[in-house]
């Protein structure tokens, strides 16, 4: 019974992380928004979602198995790389001295 609960919890945990990552990809404009069916970039929302995944990564340290850790670390790396790419491409956020641009950057832990 304990093994089934562990497997279920692992599936639920990875489903949660994947759901958050999917939201971040939509917010980065890398996937179509399922409601509008358009690619829309919102760096502020993407930064918040990436920070939430980063917080979960930190808070679950020592409680994840190797596979869960590998998946989360790869996911965070990919999201952060794409966030930076989109931030560089964004004319609003590429202006020097824009304090809003600094606030919208995910933590770099």
C-alpha atoms as a PDB file:
ATOM      1  CA  UNK A   1       0.000   0.000   0.000  1.00  0.00           C
ATOM      2  CA  UNK A   2       2.826   2.420   0.839  1.00  0.00           C
ATOM      3  CA  UNK A   3       4.397   1.876  -2.603  1.00  0.00           C
ATOM      4  CA  UNK A   4       1.117   2.778  -4.334  1.00  0.00           C
ATOM      5  CA  UNK A   5       0.819   5.942  -2.249  1.00  0.00           C
ATOM      6  CA  UNK A   6       4.435   6.848  -3.085  1.00  0.00           C
ATOM      7  CA  UNK A   7       3.837   6.280  -6.787  1.00  0.00           C
ATOM      8  CA  UNK A   8       0.613   8.303  -6.644  1.00  0.00           C
ATOM      9  CA  UNK A   9       2.353  11.151  -4.813  1.00  0.00           C
ATOM     10  CA  UNK A  10       5.195  11.113  -7.326  1.00  0.00           C
ATOM     11  CA  UNK A  11       2.711  11.311 -10.202  1.00  0.00           C
ATOM     12  CA  UNK A  12       0.786  14.113  -8.485  1.00  0.00           C
ATOM     13  CA  UNK A  13       3.975  16.055  -7.724  1.00  0.00           C
ATOM     14  CA  UNK A  14       5.276  15.775 -11.281  1.00  0.00           C
ATOM     15  CA  UNK A  15       1.828  16.680 -12.636  1.00  0.00           C
ATOM     16  CA  UNK A  16       1.809  19.837 -10.525  1.00  0.00           C
ATOM     17  CA  UNK A  17       5.283  20.818 -11.686  1.00  0.00           C
ATOM     18  CA  UNK A  18       4.395  20.090 -15.321  1.00  0.00           C
ATOM     19  CA  UNK A  19       1.215  22.159 -15.022  1.00  0.00           C
ATOM     20  CA  UNK A  20       3.196  25.121 -13.699  1.00  0.00           C
ATOM     21  CA  UNK A  21       5.797  24.699 -16.436  1.00  0.00           C
ATOM     22  CA  UNK A  22       3.075  24.610 -19.104  1.00  0.00           C
ATOM     23  CA  UNK A  23       1.720  27.876 -17.736  1.00  0.00           C
ATOM     24  CA  UNK A  24       5.201  29.400 -17.862  1.00  0.00           C
ATOM     25  CA  UNK A  25       5.679  28.293 -21.489  1.00  0.00           C
ATOM     26  CA  UNK A  26       2.356  29.928 -22.391  1.00  0.00           C
ATOM     27  CA  UNK A  27       3.338  33.084 -20.482  1.00  0.00           C
ATOM     28  CA  UNK A  28       6.651  33.159 -22.361  1.00  0.00           C
ATOM     29  CA  UNK A  29       4.740  32.987 -25.647  1.00  0.00           C
ATOM     30  CA  UNK A  30       6.390  29.670 -26.514  1.00  0.00           C
ATOM     31  CA  UNK A  31       3.059  27.806 -26.534  1.00  0.00           C
ATOM     32  CA  UNK A  32      -0.323  28.982 -27.705  1.00  0.00           C
ATOM     33  CA  UNK A  33      -2.697  30.241 -25.065  1.00  0.00           C
ATOM     34  CA  UNK A  34      -5.487  27.624 -25.141  1.00  0.00           C
ATOM     35  CA  UNK A  35      -8.150  30.286 -24.577  1.00  0.00           C
ATOM     36  CA  UNK A  36      -7.066  32.903 -27.131  1.00  0.00           C
ATOM     37  CA  UNK A  37      -5.230  30.446 -29.405  1.00  0.00           C
ATOM     38  CA  UNK A  38      -2.454  33.023 -29.756  1.00  0.00           C
ATOM     39  CA  UNK A  39       1.148  33.172 -28.610  1.00  0.00           C
ATOM     40  CA  UNK A  40       1.223  35.919 -25.975  1.00  0.00           C
ATOM     41  CA  UNK A  41       4.264  36.901 -23.946  1.00  0.00           C
ATOM     42  CA  UNK A  42       3.828  38.191 -20.398  1.00  0.00           C
ATOM     43  CA  UNK A  43       7.258  38.282 -18.766  1.00  0.00           C
ATOM     44  CA  UNK A  44       5.933  39.438 -15.404  1.00  0.00           C
ATOM     45  CA  UNK A  45       3.619  36.428 -15.092  1.00  0.00           C
ATOM     46  CA  UNK A  46       6.292  34.081 -16.462  1.00  0.00           C
ATOM     47  CA  UNK A  47       8.787  35.319 -13.853  1.00  0.00           C
ATOM     48  CA  UNK A  48       6.281  34.685 -11.062  1.00  0.00           C
ATOM     49  CA  UNK A  49       5.513  31.162 -12.302  1.00  0.00           C
ATOM     50  CA  UNK A  50       9.213  30.329 -12.648  1.00  0.00           C
ATOM     51  CA  UNK A  51       9.784  31.664  -9.127  1.00  0.00           C
ATOM     52  CA  UNK A  52       7.000  29.392  -7.832  1.00  0.00           C
ATOM     53  CA  UNK A  53       8.675  26.359  -9.425  1.00  0.00           C
ATOM     54  CA  UNK A  54      12.012  27.491  -7.973  1.00  0.00           C
ATOM     55  CA  UNK A  55      10.422  27.802  -4.512  1.00  0.00           C
ATOM     56  CA  UNK A  56       8.946  24.291  -4.797  1.00  0.00           C
ATOM     57  CA  UNK A  57      12.372  23.027  -5.861  1.00  0.00           C
ATOM     58  CA  UNK A  58      13.922  24.591  -2.782  1.00  0.00           C
ATOM     59  CA  UNK A  59      11.170  23.539  -0.356  1.00  0.00           C
ATOM     60  CA  UNK A  60      11.158  19.918  -1.545  1.00  0.00           C
ATOM     61  CA  UNK A  61      14.948  19.491  -1.413  1.00  0.00           C
ATOM     62  CA  UNK A  62      15.777  16.245   0.356  1.00  0.00           C
ATOM     63  CA  UNK A  63      12.291  14.875  -0.306  1.00  0.00           C
ATOM     64  CA  UNK A  64      12.555  14.311  -4.065  1.00  0.00           C
ATOM     65  CA  UNK A  65      13.899  11.199  -5.702  1.00  0.00           C
ATOM     66  CA  UNK A  66      16.652  11.421  -8.320  1.00  0.00           C
ATOM     67  CA  UNK A  67      14.199  11.405 -11.231  1.00  0.00           C
ATOM     68  CA  UNK A  68      12.074  14.199  -9.752  1.00  0.00           C
ATOM     69  CA  UNK A  69      15.172  16.310  -9.079  1.00  0.00           C
ATOM     70  CA  UNK A  70      16.499  15.779 -12.594  1.00  0.00           C
ATOM     71  CA  UNK A  71      13.150  16.714 -14.157  1.00  0.00           C
ATOM     72  CA  UNK A  72      12.771  19.853 -12.024  1.00  0.00           C
ATOM     73  CA  UNK A  73      16.324  21.047 -12.618  1.00  0.00           C
ATOM     74  CA  UNK A  74      16.066  20.558 -16.388  1.00  0.00           C
ATOM     75  CA  UNK A  75      12.681  22.268 -16.426  1.00  0.00           C
ATOM     76  CA  UNK A  76      13.969  25.267 -14.463  1.00  0.00           C
ATOM     77  CA  UNK A  77      17.060  25.543 -16.636  1.00  0.00           C
ATOM     78  CA  UNK A  78      15.005  25.500 -19.848  1.00  0.00           C
ATOM     79  CA  UNK A  79      12.463  28.006 -18.523  1.00  0.00           C
ATOM     80  CA  UNK A  80      15.114  30.421 -17.246  1.00  0.00           C
ATOM     81  CA  UNK A  81      17.078  30.239 -20.504  1.00  0.00           C
ATOM     82  CA  UNK A  82      13.952  30.975 -22.519  1.00  0.00           C
ATOM     83  CA  UNK A  83      12.918  33.743 -20.118  1.00  0.00           C
ATOM     84  CA  UNK A  84      16.241  35.493 -20.655  1.00  0.00           C
ATOM     85  CA  UNK A  85      15.921  35.022 -24.416  1.00  0.00           C
ATOM     86  CA  UNK A  86      12.450  36.581 -24.423  1.00  0.00           C
ATOM     87  CA  UNK A  87      13.549  39.393 -22.113  1.00  0.00           C
ATOM     88  CA  UNK A  88      16.365  40.292 -24.493  1.00  0.00           C
ATOM     89  CA  UNK A  89      13.928  40.256 -27.448  1.00  0.00           C
ATOM     90  CA  UNK A  90      11.344  42.390 -25.642  1.00  0.00           C
ATOM     91  CA  UNK A  91      11.772  46.065 -26.569  1.00  0.00           C
ATOM     92  CA  UNK A  92      10.002  47.178 -23.366  1.00  0.00           C
ATOM     93  CA  UNK A  93      12.355  45.256 -21.090  1.00  0.00           C
ATOM     94  CA  UNK A  94      15.583  45.755 -23.014  1.00  0.00           C
ATOM     95  CA  UNK A  95      15.743  49.480 -22.255  1.00  0.00           C
ATOM     96  CA  UNK A  96      18.598  50.285 -19.909  1.00  0.00           C
ATOM     97  CA  UNK A  97      17.623  51.657 -16.542  1.00  0.00           C
ATOM     98  CA  UNK A  98      14.147  50.123 -16.624  1.00  0.00           C
ATOM     99  CA  UNK A  99      13.488  49.146 -12.981  1.00  0.00           C
ATOM    100  CA  UNK A 100      10.475  47.060 -14.052  1.00  0.00           C
ATOM    101  CA  UNK A 101      12.780  44.851 -16.124  1.00  0.00           C
ATOM    102  CA  UNK A 102      14.886  44.037 -13.063  1.00  0.00           C
ATOM    103  CA  UNK A 103      11.828  43.182 -10.971  1.00  0.00           C
ATOM    104  CA  UNK A 104      10.588  40.713 -13.596  1.00  0.00           C
ATOM    105  CA  UNK A 105      13.607  38.424 -13.576  1.00  0.00           C
ATOM    106  CA  UNK A 106      13.266  34.982 -11.969  1.00  0.00           C
ATOM    107  CA  UNK A 107      15.604  34.231  -9.081  1.00  0.00           C
ATOM    108  CA  UNK A 108      18.934  32.844 -10.246  1.00  0.00           C
ATOM    109  CA  UNK A 109      19.587  30.230  -7.588  1.00  0.00           C
END
